[in-house]
């Protein structure tokens, strides 16, 4: 019996690698989203900490209040920028999910073709073995007569 050979095996492996690459890119985008969310939380915590420190003093200089308000405005702008980056990154995640789904679909199509060809090859091998066993049985029975 001849060895199993799937003519599109190189393409199938390449599609598998492409699907893995697209999934890796998606993981990187998700990590970027997590990093942005962490940075936003850190900035918000820093703003709250600064406000507590200034407001906890027994006497507050008007200059400190003005500085605190300017710092809060700066932090709000920074949070707004991070939220914009998060929105952009979310859009990239949605787009990348589509790429991952398409890459998986293309690989799975070739994988199903591979599995079908494999099953057909096995069935042919089994049929060949049955024919050989039948011929051997007949040859043995003829020899015994």
Protein backbone atom coordinates (compact mmCIF):
# COMPACT_ATOMS: atom_id res chain seq x y z
CA UNK A 1 0.00 0.00 0.00
CA UNK A 2 1.31 3.45 -0.86
CA UNK A 3 2.04 6.07 1.80
CA UNK A 4 -0.57 8.70 2.63
CA UNK A 5 0.04 11.94 0.78
CA UNK A 6 -2.12 15.07 0.97
CA UNK A 7 -1.17 17.44 -1.86
CA UNK A 8 -2.24 20.55 0.04
CA UNK A 9 -0.35 19.71 3.24
CA UNK A 10 2.13 22.60 2.88
CA UNK A 11 -0.75 25.02 2.39
CA UNK A 12 -2.56 23.49 5.38
CA UNK A 13 0.50 23.96 7.62
CA UNK A 14 0.93 27.52 6.36
CA UNK A 15 -2.74 28.30 7.12
CA UNK A 16 -2.27 26.87 10.59
CA UNK A 17 0.74 29.13 11.16
CA UNK A 18 -1.23 32.13 9.84
CA UNK A 19 -4.10 31.38 12.25
CA UNK A 20 -1.62 31.14 15.14
CA UNK A 21 0.00 34.42 14.09
CA UNK A 22 -3.36 36.20 13.93
CA UNK A 23 -4.26 34.85 17.39
CA UNK A 24 -0.94 36.12 18.73
CA UNK A 25 -1.68 39.58 17.33
CA UNK A 26 -5.09 39.48 19.03
CA UNK A 27 -3.45 38.58 22.35
CA UNK A 28 -1.05 41.50 21.94
CA UNK A 29 -3.94 43.90 21.32
CA UNK A 30 -5.74 42.57 24.40
CA UNK A 31 -2.56 43.07 26.44
CA UNK A 32 -2.38 46.64 25.14
CA UNK A 33 -5.98 47.21 26.22
CA UNK A 34 -5.16 45.89 29.69
CA UNK A 35 -2.11 48.15 29.86
CA UNK A 36 -4.19 51.19 28.90
CA UNK A 37 -6.83 50.34 31.49
CA UNK A 38 -4.11 49.94 34.13
CA UNK A 39 -2.56 53.28 33.22
CA UNK A 40 -5.97 54.97 33.41
CA UNK A 41 -6.64 53.47 36.84
CA UNK A 42 -3.20 54.51 38.03
CA UNK A 43 -3.75 58.10 36.90
CA UNK A 44 -7.16 58.25 38.59
CA UNK A 45 -5.70 56.84 41.82
CA UNK A 46 -2.85 59.38 41.66
CA UNK A 47 -5.38 62.21 41.31
CA UNK A 48 -7.37 61.00 44.30
CA UNK A 49 -4.18 60.58 46.35
CA UNK A 50 -3.02 64.12 45.52
CA UNK A 51 -6.41 65.58 46.43
CA UNK A 52 -6.41 63.75 49.79
CA UNK A 53 -2.91 64.99 50.59
CA UNK A 54 -3.73 68.61 49.81
CA UNK A 55 -7.13 68.58 51.52
CA UNK A 56 -5.77 66.79 54.62
CA UNK A 57 -3.53 69.72 55.53
CA UNK A 58 -4.65 71.87 58.47
CA UNK A 59 -4.39 75.04 56.42
CA UNK A 60 -4.59 75.19 52.66
CA UNK A 61 -2.83 77.85 50.65
CA UNK A 62 -4.92 79.16 47.71
CA UNK A 63 -1.94 78.53 45.45
CA UNK A 64 -2.07 74.83 46.40
CA UNK A 65 -5.79 74.68 45.55
CA UNK A 66 -5.11 76.28 42.18
CA UNK A 67 -2.25 73.87 41.56
CA UNK A 68 -4.44 70.95 42.58
CA UNK A 69 -7.17 72.02 40.16
CA UNK A 70 -4.66 72.45 37.32
CA UNK A 71 -3.24 69.01 38.13
CA UNK A 72 -6.75 67.52 38.10
CA UNK A 73 -7.41 69.09 34.69
CA UNK A 74 -4.14 67.66 33.42
CA UNK A 75 -5.11 64.21 34.72
CA UNK A 76 -8.59 64.46 33.15
CA UNK A 77 -6.98 65.29 29.79
CA UNK A 78 -4.61 62.34 30.18
CA UNK A 79 -7.52 60.02 31.08
CA UNK A 80 -9.45 61.32 28.06
CA UNK A 81 -6.44 60.57 25.83
CA UNK A 82 -6.18 57.07 27.29
CA UNK A 83 -9.90 56.50 26.73
CA UNK A 84 -9.46 57.54 23.08
CA UNK A 85 -6.58 55.09 22.76
CA UNK A 86 -8.75 52.40 24.37
CA UNK A 87 -11.52 53.04 21.84
CA UNK A 88 -9.04 52.81 18.97
CA UNK A 89 -7.58 49.65 20.43
CA UNK A 90 -11.06 48.15 20.88
CA UNK A 91 -11.74 48.82 17.20
CA UNK A 92 -8.47 47.07 16.32
CA UNK A 93 -9.46 44.13 18.55
CA UNK A 94 -12.78 43.77 16.72
CA UNK A 95 -11.00 43.90 13.36
CA UNK A 96 -8.37 41.41 14.54
CA UNK A 97 -11.05 39.01 15.80
CA UNK A 98 -12.44 38.96 12.27
CA UNK A 99 -8.99 38.19 10.90
CA UNK A 100 -8.59 35.36 13.42
CA UNK A 101 -11.98 33.90 12.51
CA UNK A 102 -11.16 34.06 8.80
CA UNK A 103 -7.73 32.47 9.29
CA UNK A 104 -9.24 29.69 11.42
CA UNK A 105 -11.98 29.13 8.85
CA UNK A 106 -9.44 28.81 6.04
CA UNK A 107 -7.33 26.37 8.06
CA UNK A 108 -10.34 24.30 9.14
CA UNK A 109 -11.46 23.96 5.53
CA UNK A 110 -8.12 22.44 4.56
CA UNK A 111 -8.07 20.37 7.73
CA UNK A 112 -11.46 18.87 6.89
CA UNK A 113 -10.19 18.06 3.38
CA UNK A 114 -7.11 16.46 4.93
CA UNK A 115 -9.22 14.36 7.31
CA UNK A 116 -11.51 13.28 4.48
CA UNK A 117 -8.53 12.22 2.36
CA UNK A 118 -7.04 10.39 5.36
CA UNK A 119 -10.27 8.45 5.95
CA UNK A 120 -10.49 7.55 2.28
CA UNK A 121 -6.88 6.35 2.33
CA UNK A 122 -7.59 4.21 5.42
CA UNK A 123 -10.71 2.76 3.79
CA UNK A 124 -8.71 1.88 0.67
CA UNK A 125 -6.05 0.24 2.85
CA UNK A 126 -8.65 -1.78 4.71
CA UNK A 127 -10.24 -2.84 1.45
CA UNK A 128 -6.84 -3.85 0.10
CA UNK A 129 -6.13 -5.90 3.22
CA UNK A 130 -9.52 -7.62 3.01
CA UNK A 131 -8.88 -8.52 -0.64
CA UNK A 132 -5.45 -9.85 0.22
CA UNK A 133 -6.83 -11.87 3.13
CA UNK A 134 -9.55 -13.29 0.86
CA UNK A 135 -7.01 -14.23 -1.79
CA UNK A 136 -4.78 -15.87 0.83
CA UNK A 137 -7.74 -17.80 2.22
CA UNK A 138 -8.71 -19.01 -1.25
CA UNK A 139 -5.11 -19.96 -2.05
CA UNK A 140 -4.84 -21.87 1.23
CA UNK A 141 -8.13 -23.68 0.66
CA UNK A 142 -7.12 -24.62 -2.91
CA UNK A 143 -3.77 -25.90 -1.64
CA UNK A 144 -5.46 -28.00 1.05
CA UNK A 145 -7.75 -29.71 -1.51
